[in-house]
Amino acid sequence: MHRAPTARHAFIQGAILNNRISKFLGGAFALAFLAWSIGARGEPAYPERAITVVVPFSAGSASDTYARLIGARLGEALGQSVVVENKDGAGGFIGAQYVLRAKPDGYTLLFAASPWAYTPYFFKRTPYDPSKDFVAVAKVGAAPSVLVAAADAPFGDVAGMAEYARQNPGKLTYSSAGIGTYSHLIGALVEKKLGVSMMHVPYKSAAQAMSDVVGHMISLNYPSLSAALPLIKAGKLKALGVTSLAPAAIAPDIPPLASQGMPGFEVMQWFGFVAPTGTSPRIVELLNTRINRVLAEPDVAARFAQLGIQLTPESPAGFSSDIDGEIKKWVPLGKELSITYD
């Protein structure tokens, strides 16, 4: 026998129905709001696929080592693979231009070093404008160079070297990895600061430029500290000074050039991530935050310390300022030296 629903039963059924309707409308509203907010921003979730980091130098280079060390941890932090690709050639320009032509969606980054910022201005036709064509993402760190001489050089510090250069005009030479490279510009800046004259001898590689100092064919060289340290420790090279303001952690016994008659002298080659202009600020900030977290991991920091890199994480704005500073430091000197590439 069918019973008519009681008032209590009707009330309960109505409450259940209302609750279901509320949940449905609430869920529909939430989905609608999410779709609206994403559509309003015009930005999909990031990252949804693998990210490519282009290293504009060969596999096994310093930049390659640093990028791979960070890339593995960054992939874990982002939940997507980070693939390092080497696009070597033309002094780093092939890799830089590859990234420049990439879609500015955060999936193609360039692992840049200091010369990437100033070298374009030495060309008759600038291949790219670092400040306009790229956006700073995250600075990783910086490394000092070191002024070295042959182990039996007739001077043991910068003052002795300068005095020797004055008393023996045209006798001192310094090698570099090529015209307009970091080692060339540091040498020219030291000459300028000390008021001495030395002959610049460009080489095709940094390794050979340093090796010929060991072989007594060249007087001086300005290699990276990490590259020169094994030869310094082996007694094959004499270290006169580092280009950092304070002694480097991996070689605390080598005094800074700044403490040897060149107050404030500091030249640190930095490394960091940049992306094509047009990359979303939201993506830039996300990458900056994640990369800085990776650099703060104790084992990562320890490994970079072993490599002679001083980690200097910054905001995108801070890194952008460093890029501008590099341009202002070296481009005028390059013009004084009449450095021009075809």
C-alpha atoms as a PDB file:
ATOM      1  CA  MET A   1       0.000   0.000   0.000  1.00  0.00           C
ATOM      2  CA  HIS A   2       1.477   3.336  -1.104  1.00  0.00           C
ATOM      3  CA  ARG A   3       1.775   5.922   1.654  1.00  0.00           C
ATOM      4  CA  ALA A   4       1.649   9.625   1.046  1.00  0.00           C
ATOM      5  CA  PRO A   5       4.907  11.296   2.053  1.00  0.00           C
ATOM      6  CA  THR A   6       4.885  12.892   5.435  1.00  0.00           C
ATOM      7  CA  ALA A   7       5.865  16.481   5.955  1.00  0.00           C
ATOM      8  CA  ARG A   8       9.145  15.362   7.590  1.00  0.00           C
ATOM      9  CA  HIS A   9       9.957  13.042   4.684  1.00  0.00           C
ATOM     10  CA  ALA A  10       9.245  15.765   2.142  1.00  0.00           C
ATOM     11  CA  PHE A  11      11.447  18.173   4.067  1.00  0.00           C
ATOM     12  CA  ILE A  12      14.379  15.716   4.069  1.00  0.00           C
ATOM     13  CA  GLN A  13      14.036  14.946   0.362  1.00  0.00           C
ATOM     14  CA  GLY A  14      13.902  18.641  -0.417  1.00  0.00           C
ATOM     15  CA  ALA A  15      17.024  19.312   1.629  1.00  0.00           C
ATOM     16  CA  ILE A  16      18.918  16.555  -0.183  1.00  0.00           C
ATOM     17  CA  LEU A  17      17.846  17.891  -3.545  1.00  0.00           C
ATOM     18  CA  ASN A  18      18.813  21.433  -2.616  1.00  0.00           C
ATOM     19  CA  ASN A  19      22.219  20.228  -1.398  1.00  0.00           C
ATOM     20  CA  ARG A  20      22.859  18.412  -4.685  1.00  0.00           C
ATOM     21  CA  ILE A  21      21.814  21.449  -6.672  1.00  0.00           C
ATOM     22  CA  SER A  22      24.067  23.673  -4.558  1.00  0.00           C
ATOM     23  CA  LYS A  23      27.043  21.345  -5.055  1.00  0.00           C
ATOM     24  CA  PHE A  24      26.379  21.185  -8.790  1.00  0.00           C
ATOM     25  CA  LEU A  25      26.078  24.934  -9.136  1.00  0.00           C
ATOM     26  CA  GLY A  26      29.065  25.485  -6.872  1.00  0.00           C
ATOM     27  CA  GLY A  27      31.201  23.096  -8.906  1.00  0.00           C
ATOM     28  CA  ALA A  28      29.972  24.579 -12.159  1.00  0.00           C
ATOM     29  CA  PHE A  29      30.729  28.061 -10.878  1.00  0.00           C
ATOM     30  CA  ALA A  30      34.220  27.005  -9.799  1.00  0.00           C
ATOM     31  CA  LEU A  31      34.945  25.469 -13.183  1.00  0.00           C
ATOM     32  CA  ALA A  32      33.522  28.486 -14.960  1.00  0.00           C
ATOM     33  CA  PHE A  33      35.614  30.830 -12.824  1.00  0.00           C
ATOM     34  CA  LEU A  34      38.766  28.770 -13.453  1.00  0.00           C
ATOM     35  CA  ALA A  35      38.140  28.763 -17.198  1.00  0.00           C
ATOM     36  CA  TRP A  36      37.445  32.490 -17.114  1.00  0.00           C
ATOM     37  CA  SER A  37      40.555  33.297 -15.109  1.00  0.00           C
ATOM     38  CA  ILE A  38      42.810  31.247 -17.395  1.00  0.00           C
ATOM     39  CA  GLY A  39      41.170  32.740 -20.444  1.00  0.00           C
ATOM     40  CA  ALA A  40      41.475  36.228 -19.004  1.00  0.00           C
ATOM     41  CA  ARG A  41      45.185  35.756 -18.481  1.00  0.00           C
ATOM     42  CA  GLY A  42      45.546  33.928 -21.776  1.00  0.00           C
ATOM     43  CA  GLU A  43      48.158  31.718 -20.122  1.00  0.00           C
ATOM     44  CA  PRO A  44      47.962  27.925 -19.942  1.00  0.00           C
ATOM     45  CA  ALA A  45      49.477  25.950 -17.100  1.00  0.00           C
ATOM     46  CA  TYR A  46      53.289  25.880 -17.104  1.00  0.00           C
ATOM     47  CA  PRO A  47      55.211  23.728 -17.615  1.00  0.00           C
ATOM     48  CA  GLU A  48      53.206  21.113 -19.483  1.00  0.00           C
ATOM     49  CA  ARG A  49      56.139  19.559 -21.353  1.00  0.00           C
ATOM     50  CA  ALA A  50      59.925  19.368 -21.419  1.00  0.00           C
ATOM     51  CA  ILE A  51      62.003  22.547 -21.258  1.00  0.00           C
ATOM     52  CA  THR A  52      65.088  22.944 -23.438  1.00  0.00           C
ATOM     53  CA  VAL A  53      68.159  24.777 -22.145  1.00  0.00           C
ATOM     54  CA  VAL A  54      70.504  25.723 -24.967  1.00  0.00           C
ATOM     55  CA  VAL A  55      74.203  25.875 -24.123  1.00  0.00           C
ATOM     56  CA  PRO A  56      76.001  27.813 -26.885  1.00  0.00           C
ATOM     57  CA  PHE A  57      79.244  25.907 -26.312  1.00  0.00           C
ATOM     58  CA  SER A  58      80.413  22.328 -26.691  1.00  0.00           C
ATOM     59  CA  ALA A  59      79.620  19.410 -24.404  1.00  0.00           C
ATOM     60  CA  GLY A  60      82.059  19.293 -21.517  1.00  0.00           C
ATOM     61  CA  SER A  61      82.614  23.056 -21.459  1.00  0.00           C
ATOM     62  CA  ALA A  62      82.224  24.975 -18.214  1.00  0.00           C
ATOM     63  CA  SER A  63      78.832  26.337 -19.264  1.00  0.00           C
ATOM     64  CA  ASP A  64      77.685  22.841 -20.204  1.00  0.00           C
ATOM     65  CA  THR A  65      78.731  21.473 -16.805  1.00  0.00           C
ATOM     66  CA  TYR A  66      76.892  24.222 -14.915  1.00  0.00           C
ATOM     67  CA  ALA A  67      73.722  23.974 -17.010  1.00  0.00           C
ATOM     68  CA  ARG A  68      73.477  20.207 -16.601  1.00  0.00           C
ATOM     69  CA  LEU A  69      74.076  20.402 -12.871  1.00  0.00           C
ATOM     70  CA  ILE A  70      71.155  22.810 -12.476  1.00  0.00           C
ATOM     71  CA  GLY A  71      68.965  21.282 -15.172  1.00  0.00           C
ATOM     72  CA  ALA A  72      68.612  17.903 -13.486  1.00  0.00           C
ATOM     73  CA  ARG A  73      67.388  19.460 -10.231  1.00  0.00           C
ATOM     74  CA  LEU A  74      65.258  22.067 -11.978  1.00  0.00           C
ATOM     75  CA  GLY A  75      63.397  19.317 -13.796  1.00  0.00           C
ATOM     76  CA  GLU A  76      62.569  17.691 -10.462  1.00  0.00           C
ATOM     77  CA  ALA A  77      61.396  21.025  -9.047  1.00  0.00           C
ATOM     78  CA  LEU A  78      59.123  21.725 -12.024  1.00  0.00           C
ATOM     79  CA  GLY A  79      57.841  18.201 -12.536  1.00  0.00           C
ATOM     80  CA  GLN A  80      59.006  18.154 -16.162  1.00  0.00           C
ATOM     81  CA  SER A  81      62.187  17.156 -17.954  1.00  0.00           C
ATOM     82  CA  VAL A  82      64.842  19.799 -18.550  1.00  0.00           C
ATOM     83  CA  VAL A  83      66.871  18.890 -21.626  1.00  0.00           C
ATOM     84  CA  VAL A  84      70.281  20.506 -22.227  1.00  0.00           C
ATOM     85  CA  GLU A  85      71.202  20.943 -25.898  1.00  0.00           C
ATOM     86  CA  ASN A  86      74.627  22.065 -27.101  1.00  0.00           C
ATOM     87  CA  LYS A  87      74.594  24.411 -30.088  1.00  0.00           C
ATOM     88  CA  ASP A  88      78.239  25.362 -30.398  1.00  0.00           C
ATOM     89  CA  GLY A  89      79.783  27.651 -32.970  1.00  0.00           C
ATOM     90  CA  ALA A  90      80.603  31.242 -33.884  1.00  0.00           C
ATOM     91  CA  GLY A  91      81.672  32.080 -30.350  1.00  0.00           C
ATOM     92  CA  GLY A  92      78.254  31.290 -28.922  1.00  0.00           C
ATOM     93  CA  PHE A  93      76.196  33.177 -31.497  1.00  0.00           C
ATOM     94  CA  ILE A  94      74.642  30.097 -33.087  1.00  0.00           C
ATOM     95  CA  GLY A  95      73.062  29.075 -29.799  1.00  0.00           C
ATOM     96  CA  ALA A  96      72.005  32.617 -28.935  1.00  0.00           C
ATOM     97  CA  GLN A  97      70.307  33.174 -32.271  1.00  0.00           C
ATOM     98  CA  TYR A  98      68.575  29.799 -32.052  1.00  0.00           C
ATOM     99  CA  VAL A  99      66.960  30.845 -28.782  1.00  0.00           C
ATOM    100  CA  LEU A 100      66.212  34.296 -30.155  1.00  0.00           C
ATOM    101  CA  ARG A 101      64.116  32.699 -32.928  1.00  0.00           C
ATOM    102  CA  ALA A 102      62.316  30.349 -30.531  1.00  0.00           C
ATOM    103  CA  LYS A 103      58.744  30.925 -29.396  1.00  0.00           C
ATOM    104  CA  PRO A 104      58.754  33.014 -26.185  1.00  0.00           C
ATOM    105  CA  ASP A 105      56.755  30.483 -24.196  1.00  0.00           C
ATOM    106  CA  GLY A 106      59.272  29.501 -21.536  1.00  0.00           C
ATOM    107  CA  TYR A 107      60.159  26.191 -23.163  1.00  0.00           C
ATOM    108  CA  THR A 108      63.450  27.343 -24.736  1.00  0.00           C
ATOM    109  CA  LEU A 109      66.053  29.059 -22.545  1.00  0.00           C
ATOM    110  CA  LEU A 110      69.642  30.127 -23.138  1.00  0.00           C
ATOM    111  CA  PHE A 111      72.387  29.481 -20.616  1.00  0.00           C
ATOM    112  CA  ALA A 112      74.383  32.660 -21.133  1.00  0.00           C
ATOM    113  CA  ALA A 113      77.791  33.844 -19.961  1.00  0.00           C
ATOM    114  CA  SER A 114      79.142  37.392 -19.701  1.00  0.00           C
ATOM    115  CA  PRO A 115      80.510  37.650 -23.295  1.00  0.00           C
ATOM    116  CA  TRP A 116      76.972  37.037 -24.606  1.00  0.00           C
ATOM    117  CA  ALA A 117      76.100  40.523 -23.280  1.00  0.00           C
ATOM    118  CA  TYR A 118      78.889  42.655 -24.750  1.00  0.00           C
ATOM    119  CA  THR A 119      80.261  40.780 -27.779  1.00  0.00           C
ATOM    120  CA  PRO A 120      77.336  41.629 -30.119  1.00  0.00           C
ATOM    121  CA  TYR A 121      78.361  45.304 -29.995  1.00  0.00           C
ATOM    122  CA  PHE A 122      81.758  44.492 -31.509  1.00  0.00           C
ATOM    123  CA  PHE A 123      80.114  43.473 -34.791  1.00  0.00           C
ATOM    124  CA  LYS A 124      79.558  45.870 -37.671  1.00  0.00           C
ATOM    125  CA  ARG A 125      75.977  44.622 -37.737  1.00  0.00           C
ATOM    126  CA  THR A 126      74.786  43.719 -34.251  1.00  0.00           C
ATOM    127  CA  PRO A 127      73.422  40.133 -34.398  1.00  0.00           C
ATOM    128  CA  TYR A 128      71.134  40.728 -31.414  1.00  0.00           C
ATOM    129  CA  ASP A 129      70.515  43.239 -28.665  1.00  0.00           C
ATOM    130  CA  PRO A 130      70.854  41.490 -25.281  1.00  0.00           C
ATOM    131  CA  SER A 131      68.748  44.117 -23.502  1.00  0.00           C
ATOM    132  CA  LYS A 132      65.910  44.198 -26.035  1.00  0.00           C
ATOM    133  CA  ASP A 133      65.834  40.726 -27.583  1.00  0.00           C
ATOM    134  CA  PHE A 134      66.166  38.733 -24.373  1.00  0.00           C
ATOM    135  CA  VAL A 135      64.744  38.868 -20.861  1.00  0.00           C
ATOM    136  CA  ALA A 136      66.782  38.005 -17.777  1.00  0.00           C
ATOM    137  CA  VAL A 137      65.467  34.935 -15.953  1.00  0.00           C
ATOM    138  CA  ALA A 138      67.933  33.893 -13.248  1.00  0.00           C
ATOM    139  CA  LYS A 139      71.573  34.525 -12.487  1.00  0.00           C
ATOM    140  CA  VAL A 140      73.493  31.494 -11.295  1.00  0.00           C
ATOM    141  CA  GLY A 141      76.858  32.761 -10.181  1.00  0.00           C
ATOM    142  CA  ALA A 142      80.189  34.247 -11.141  1.00  0.00           C
ATOM    143  CA  ALA A 143      83.805  33.172 -11.275  1.00  0.00           C
ATOM    144  CA  PRO A 144      87.047  35.130 -11.045  1.00  0.00           C
ATOM    145  CA  SER A 145      89.968  34.984 -13.416  1.00  0.00           C
ATOM    146  CA  VAL A 146      93.574  34.913 -12.249  1.00  0.00           C
ATOM    147  CA  LEU A 147      96.685  36.670 -13.530  1.00  0.00           C
ATOM    148  CA  VAL A 148      99.365  34.026 -14.022  1.00  0.00           C
ATOM    149  CA  ALA A 149     102.998  34.048 -15.124  1.00  0.00           C
ATOM    150  CA  ALA A 150     105.584  31.355 -15.677  1.00  0.00           C
ATOM    151  CA  ALA A 151     106.770  29.726 -12.465  1.00  0.00           C
ATOM    152  CA  ASP A 152     110.227  31.332 -12.800  1.00  0.00           C
ATOM    153  CA  ALA A 153     109.032  34.811 -13.850  1.00  0.00           C
ATOM    154  CA  PRO A 154     111.307  37.608 -12.513  1.00  0.00           C
ATOM    155  CA  PHE A 155     108.450  39.064 -10.424  1.00  0.00           C
ATOM    156  CA  GLY A 156     106.097  37.657  -7.841  1.00  0.00           C
ATOM    157  CA  ASP A 157     103.315  40.222  -7.561  1.00  0.00           C
ATOM    158  CA  VAL A 158     101.503  42.897  -9.538  1.00  0.00           C
ATOM    159  CA  ALA A 159     103.793  45.712  -8.378  1.00  0.00           C
ATOM    160  CA  GLY A 160     106.851  43.758  -9.527  1.00  0.00           C
ATOM    161  CA  MET A 161     105.197  42.979 -12.857  1.00  0.00           C
ATOM    162  CA  ALA A 162     104.329  46.640 -13.440  1.00  0.00           C
ATOM    163  CA  GLU A 163     107.847  47.757 -12.589  1.00  0.00           C
ATOM    164  CA  TYR A 164     109.313  45.119 -14.901  1.00  0.00           C
ATOM    165  CA  ALA A 165     107.039  46.314 -17.721  1.00  0.00           C
ATOM    166  CA  ARG A 166     108.196  49.914 -17.237  1.00  0.00           C
ATOM    167  CA  GLN A 167     111.865  48.993 -17.187  1.00  0.00           C
ATOM    168  CA  ASN A 168     111.578  46.621 -20.135  1.00  0.00           C
ATOM    169  CA  PRO A 169     109.246  48.296 -22.667  1.00  0.00           C
ATOM    170  CA  GLY A 170     107.681  45.880 -25.142  1.00  0.00           C
ATOM    171  CA  LYS A 171     109.083  42.782 -23.473  1.00  0.00           C
ATOM    172  CA  LEU A 172     106.006  41.539 -21.589  1.00  0.00           C
ATOM    173  CA  THR A 173     103.313  39.755 -23.561  1.00  0.00           C
ATOM    174  CA  TYR A 174      99.922  38.414 -22.536  1.00  0.00           C
ATOM    175  CA  SER A 175      97.871  35.782 -24.303  1.00  0.00           C
ATOM    176  CA  SER A 176      94.129  35.447 -24.694  1.00  0.00           C
ATOM    177  CA  ALA A 177      91.574  33.126 -26.244  1.00  0.00           C
ATOM    178  CA  GLY A 178      91.096  35.650 -29.053  1.00  0.00           C
ATOM    179  CA  ILE A 179      90.462  39.310 -29.777  1.00  0.00           C
ATOM    180  CA  GLY A 180      87.578  40.636 -27.733  1.00  0.00           C
ATOM    181  CA  THR A 181      87.437  37.651 -25.386  1.00  0.00           C
ATOM    182  CA  TYR A 182      87.307  37.999 -21.625  1.00  0.00           C
ATOM    183  CA  SER A 183      91.029  37.305 -21.188  1.00  0.00           C
ATOM    184  CA  HIS A 184      91.890  39.961 -23.787  1.00  0.00           C
ATOM    185  CA  LEU A 185      89.699  42.624 -22.205  1.00  0.00           C
ATOM    186  CA  ILE A 186      90.951  41.905 -18.675  1.00  0.00           C
ATOM    187  CA  GLY A 187      94.532  42.248 -19.875  1.00  0.00           C
ATOM    188  CA  ALA A 188      93.764  45.550 -21.583  1.00  0.00           C
ATOM    189  CA  LEU A 189      91.976  46.836 -18.485  1.00  0.00           C
ATOM    190  CA  VAL A 190      94.939  45.918 -16.262  1.00  0.00           C
ATOM    191  CA  GLU A 191      97.280  47.766 -18.625  1.00  0.00           C
ATOM    192  CA  LYS A 192      95.052  50.804 -18.430  1.00  0.00           C
ATOM    193  CA  LYS A 193      94.759  50.726 -14.643  1.00  0.00           C
ATOM    194  CA  LEU A 194      98.511  50.309 -14.108  1.00  0.00           C
ATOM    195  CA  GLY A 195      99.594  52.649 -16.871  1.00  0.00           C
ATOM    196  CA  VAL A 196     101.855  50.078 -18.528  1.00  0.00           C
ATOM    197  CA  SER A 197     102.114  48.652 -22.026  1.00  0.00           C
ATOM    198  CA  MET A 198     102.235  44.977 -22.944  1.00  0.00           C
ATOM    199  CA  MET A 199     101.817  43.101 -26.222  1.00  0.00           C
ATOM    200  CA  HIS A 200      98.595  41.163 -26.691  1.00  0.00           C
ATOM    201  CA  VAL A 201      98.907  37.778 -28.433  1.00  0.00           C
ATOM    202  CA  PRO A 202      95.531  36.223 -29.365  1.00  0.00           C
ATOM    203  CA  TYR A 203      95.135  32.448 -29.588  1.00  0.00           C
ATOM    204  CA  LYS A 204      92.374  30.226 -30.895  1.00  0.00           C
ATOM    205  CA  SER A 205      91.765  28.547 -27.542  1.00  0.00           C
ATOM    206  CA  ALA A 206      92.051  29.409 -23.866  1.00  0.00           C
ATOM    207  CA  ALA A 207      93.902  26.171 -23.151  1.00  0.00           C
ATOM    208  CA  GLN A 208      96.687  26.912 -25.624  1.00  0.00           C
ATOM    209  CA  ALA A 209      96.917  30.524 -24.470  1.00  0.00           C
ATOM    210  CA  MET A 210      97.601  29.301 -20.935  1.00  0.00           C
ATOM    211  CA  SER A 211      99.835  26.432 -21.997  1.00  0.00           C
ATOM    212  CA  ASP A 212     102.269  28.742 -23.766  1.00  0.00           C
ATOM    213  CA  VAL A 213     102.821  30.652 -20.526  1.00  0.00           C
ATOM    214  CA  VAL A 214     103.946  27.381 -18.956  1.00  0.00           C
ATOM    215  CA  GLY A 215     106.213  26.916 -21.986  1.00  0.00           C
ATOM    216  CA  HIS A 216     107.760  30.398 -21.591  1.00  0.00           C
ATOM    217  CA  MET A 217     106.537  31.585 -25.006  1.00  0.00           C
ATOM    218  CA  ILE A 218     104.163  34.107 -23.394  1.00  0.00           C
ATOM    219  CA  SER A 219     104.696  36.190 -20.240  1.00  0.00           C
ATOM    220  CA  LEU A 220     101.171  36.430 -18.804  1.00  0.00           C
ATOM    221  CA  ASN A 221      97.660  35.081 -19.123  1.00  0.00           C
ATOM    222  CA  TYR A 222      94.230  35.644 -17.498  1.00  0.00           C
ATOM    223  CA  PRO A 223      92.528  32.222 -17.392  1.00  0.00           C
ATOM    224  CA  SER A 224      89.634  31.300 -15.168  1.00  0.00           C
ATOM    225  CA  LEU A 225      90.847  30.458 -11.685  1.00  0.00           C
ATOM    226  CA  SER A 226      89.341  26.967 -11.780  1.00  0.00           C
ATOM    227  CA  ALA A 227      91.148  26.158 -15.046  1.00  0.00           C
ATOM    228  CA  ALA A 228      94.526  27.464 -13.861  1.00  0.00           C
ATOM    229  CA  LEU A 229      94.489  26.157 -10.297  1.00  0.00           C
ATOM    230  CA  PRO A 230      95.831  22.635 -11.045  1.00  0.00           C
ATOM    231  CA  LEU A 231      98.855  24.147 -12.829  1.00  0.00           C
ATOM    232  CA  ILE A 232      99.339  26.673 -10.016  1.00  0.00           C
ATOM    233  CA  LYS A 233      99.278  23.916  -7.402  1.00  0.00           C
ATOM    234  CA  ALA A 234     101.674  21.831  -9.496  1.00  0.00           C
ATOM    235  CA  GLY A 235     104.154  24.721  -9.537  1.00  0.00           C
ATOM    236  CA  LYS A 236     103.963  25.194 -13.305  1.00  0.00           C
ATOM    237  CA  LEU A 237     102.353  28.635 -13.084  1.00  0.00           C
ATOM    238  CA  LYS A 238     102.783  31.520 -10.657  1.00  0.00           C
ATOM    239  CA  ALA A 239      99.585  33.254  -9.544  1.00  0.00           C
ATOM    240  CA  LEU A 240      99.944  37.029  -9.165  1.00  0.00           C
ATOM    241  CA  GLY A 241      96.351  37.896  -8.261  1.00  0.00           C
ATOM    242  CA  VAL A 242      92.671  37.086  -8.699  1.00  0.00           C
ATOM    243  CA  THR A 243      90.130  39.428 -10.268  1.00  0.00           C
ATOM    244  CA  SER A 244      87.605  39.172  -7.417  1.00  0.00           C
ATOM    245  CA  LEU A 245      87.468  41.834  -4.706  1.00  0.00           C
ATOM    246  CA  ALA A 246      88.257  39.250  -2.025  1.00  0.00           C
ATOM    247  CA  PRO A 247      90.349  36.074  -2.157  1.00  0.00           C
ATOM    248  CA  ALA A 248      88.514  33.158  -3.737  1.00  0.00           C
ATOM    249  CA  ALA A 249      87.353  30.342  -1.472  1.00  0.00           C
ATOM    250  CA  ILE A 250      89.142  27.702  -3.578  1.00  0.00           C
ATOM    251  CA  ALA A 251      92.440  29.635  -3.478  1.00  0.00           C
ATOM    252  CA  PRO A 252      92.481  31.837  -0.365  1.00  0.00           C
ATOM    253  CA  ASP A 253      96.256  32.400  -0.562  1.00  0.00           C
ATOM    254  CA  ILE A 254      96.091  34.267  -3.880  1.00  0.00           C
ATOM    255  CA  PRO A 255      95.609  38.010  -3.228  1.00  0.00           C
ATOM    256  CA  PRO A 256      93.142  40.086  -5.250  1.00  0.00           C
ATOM    257  CA  LEU A 257      94.412  42.518  -7.869  1.00  0.00           C
ATOM    258  CA  ALA A 258      92.276  45.091  -6.044  1.00  0.00           C
ATOM    259  CA  SER A 259      94.672  44.921  -3.096  1.00  0.00           C
ATOM    260  CA  GLN A 260      97.722  45.442  -5.298  1.00  0.00           C
ATOM    261  CA  GLY A 261      97.527  48.976  -6.587  1.00  0.00           C
ATOM    262  CA  MET A 262      94.156  48.693  -8.349  1.00  0.00           C
ATOM    263  CA  PRO A 263      91.506  49.621  -5.749  1.00  0.00           C
ATOM    264  CA  GLY A 264      88.024  48.405  -6.617  1.00  0.00           C
ATOM    265  CA  PHE A 265      89.233  46.258  -9.520  1.00  0.00           C
ATOM    266  CA  GLU A 266      86.726  43.464 -10.019  1.00  0.00           C
ATOM    267  CA  VAL A 267      86.033  41.294 -13.032  1.00  0.00           C
ATOM    268  CA  MET A 268      83.773  38.304 -12.518  1.00  0.00           C
ATOM    269  CA  GLN A 269      82.456  36.270 -15.419  1.00  0.00           C
ATOM    270  CA  TRP A 270      78.845  35.396 -14.640  1.00  0.00           C
ATOM    271  CA  PHE A 271      76.483  32.705 -15.889  1.00  0.00           C
ATOM    272  CA  GLY A 272      72.710  32.639 -15.982  1.00  0.00           C
ATOM    273  CA  PHE A 273      69.471  31.840 -17.772  1.00  0.00           C
ATOM    274  CA  VAL A 274      67.815  34.183 -20.259  1.00  0.00           C
ATOM    275  CA  ALA A 275      64.765  33.785 -22.501  1.00  0.00           C
ATOM    276  CA  PRO A 276      63.422  35.457 -25.648  1.00  0.00           C
ATOM    277  CA  THR A 277      61.675  38.761 -25.080  1.00  0.00           C
ATOM    278  CA  GLY A 278      57.933  38.272 -24.841  1.00  0.00           C
ATOM    279  CA  THR A 279      58.175  35.428 -22.351  1.00  0.00           C
ATOM    280  CA  SER A 280      55.440  35.822 -19.749  1.00  0.00           C
ATOM    281  CA  PRO A 281      56.552  37.589 -16.541  1.00  0.00           C
ATOM    282  CA  ARG A 282      54.647  34.880 -14.638  1.00  0.00           C
ATOM    283  CA  ILE A 283      56.822  32.190 -16.218  1.00  0.00           C
ATOM    284  CA  VAL A 284      59.998  34.221 -15.656  1.00  0.00           C
ATOM    285  CA  GLU A 285      59.171  34.630 -11.967  1.00  0.00           C
ATOM    286  CA  LEU A 286      58.351  30.926 -11.595  1.00  0.00           C
ATOM    287  CA  LEU A 287      61.632  29.880 -13.212  1.00  0.00           C
ATOM    288  CA  ASN A 288      63.577  32.399 -11.139  1.00  0.00           C
ATOM    289  CA  THR A 289      62.068  31.079  -7.913  1.00  0.00           C
ATOM    290  CA  ARG A 290      62.690  27.432  -8.792  1.00  0.00           C
ATOM    291  CA  ILE A 291      66.271  28.010  -9.989  1.00  0.00           C
ATOM    292  CA  ASN A 292      67.106  29.977  -6.845  1.00  0.00           C
ATOM    293  CA  ARG A 293      65.749  27.110  -4.745  1.00  0.00           C
ATOM    294  CA  VAL A 294      67.944  24.650  -6.621  1.00  0.00           C
ATOM    295  CA  LEU A 295      70.998  26.846  -5.990  1.00  0.00           C
ATOM    296  CA  ALA A 296      70.163  26.884  -2.278  1.00  0.00           C
ATOM    297  CA  GLU A 297      70.340  23.094  -2.003  1.00  0.00           C
ATOM    298  CA  PRO A 298      73.453  22.282   0.090  1.00  0.00           C
ATOM    299  CA  ASP A 299      74.908  19.659  -2.242  1.00  0.00           C
ATOM    300  CA  VAL A 300      74.400  21.865  -5.293  1.00  0.00           C
ATOM    301  CA  ALA A 301      76.058  24.814  -3.549  1.00  0.00           C
ATOM    302  CA  ALA A 302      78.944  22.570  -2.469  1.00  0.00           C
ATOM    303  CA  ARG A 303      79.494  21.326  -6.012  1.00  0.00           C
ATOM    304  CA  PHE A 304      79.574  24.843  -7.430  1.00  0.00           C
ATOM    305  CA  ALA A 305      82.033  25.850  -4.722  1.00  0.00           C
ATOM    306  CA  GLN A 306      84.307  23.022  -5.839  1.00  0.00           C
ATOM    307  CA  LEU A 307      84.080  24.381  -9.379  1.00  0.00           C
ATOM    308  CA  GLY A 308      85.130  27.830  -8.194  1.00  0.00           C
ATOM    309  CA  ILE A 309      81.747  29.446  -8.787  1.00  0.00           C
ATOM    310  CA  GLN A 310      80.394  31.970  -6.295  1.00  0.00           C
ATOM    311  CA  LEU A 311      76.623  31.532  -6.357  1.00  0.00           C
ATOM    312  CA  THR A 312      74.858  34.877  -6.666  1.00  0.00           C
ATOM    313  CA  PRO A 313      71.110  34.243  -7.134  1.00  0.00           C
ATOM    314  CA  GLU A 314      69.127  37.376  -7.907  1.00  0.00           C
ATOM    315  CA  SER A 315      65.720  38.534  -9.023  1.00  0.00           C
ATOM    316  CA  PRO A 316      65.153  38.931 -12.778  1.00  0.00           C
ATOM    317  CA  ALA A 317      65.474  42.708 -12.320  1.00  0.00           C
ATOM    318  CA  GLY A 318      68.782  42.337 -10.490  1.00  0.00           C
ATOM    319  CA  PHE A 319      70.180  40.058 -13.172  1.00  0.00           C
ATOM    320  CA  SER A 320      69.005  42.465 -15.865  1.00  0.00           C
ATOM    321  CA  SER A 321      70.967  45.230 -14.141  1.00  0.00           C
ATOM    322  CA  ASP A 322      74.083  43.039 -14.165  1.00  0.00           C
ATOM    323  CA  ILE A 323      73.678  42.467 -17.900  1.00  0.00           C
ATOM    324  CA  ASP A 324      73.488  46.225 -18.494  1.00  0.00           C
ATOM    325  CA  GLY A 325      76.556  46.698 -16.299  1.00  0.00           C
ATOM    326  CA  GLU A 326      78.550  44.231 -18.375  1.00  0.00           C
ATOM    327  CA  ILE A 327      77.694  46.136 -21.533  1.00  0.00           C
ATOM    328  CA  LYS A 328      78.676  49.479 -19.995  1.00  0.00           C
ATOM    329  CA  LYS A 329      81.974  48.066 -18.735  1.00  0.00           C
ATOM    330  CA  TRP A 330      83.301  46.392 -21.871  1.00  0.00           C
ATOM    331  CA  VAL A 331      81.775  48.046 -24.934  1.00  0.00           C
ATOM    332  CA  PRO A 332      83.578  51.406 -24.423  1.00  0.00           C
ATOM    333  CA  LEU A 333      86.876  49.564 -23.849  1.00  0.00           C
ATOM    334  CA  GLY A 334      86.284  47.535 -26.991  1.00  0.00           C
ATOM    335  CA  LYS A 335      85.861  50.758 -28.953  1.00  0.00           C
ATOM    336  CA  GLU A 336      89.100  52.121 -27.481  1.00  0.00           C
ATOM    337  CA  LEU A 337      90.849  48.966 -28.654  1.00  0.00           C
ATOM    338  CA  SER A 338      89.170  49.227 -32.095  1.00  0.00           C
ATOM    339  CA  ILE A 339      87.690  45.738 -31.786  1.00  0.00           C
ATOM    340  CA  THR A 340      85.447  45.135 -34.772  1.00  0.00           C
ATOM    341  CA  TYR A 341      84.080  41.857 -36.094  1.00  0.00           C
ATOM    342  CA  ASP A 342      82.767  41.440 -39.623  1.00  0.00           C
END
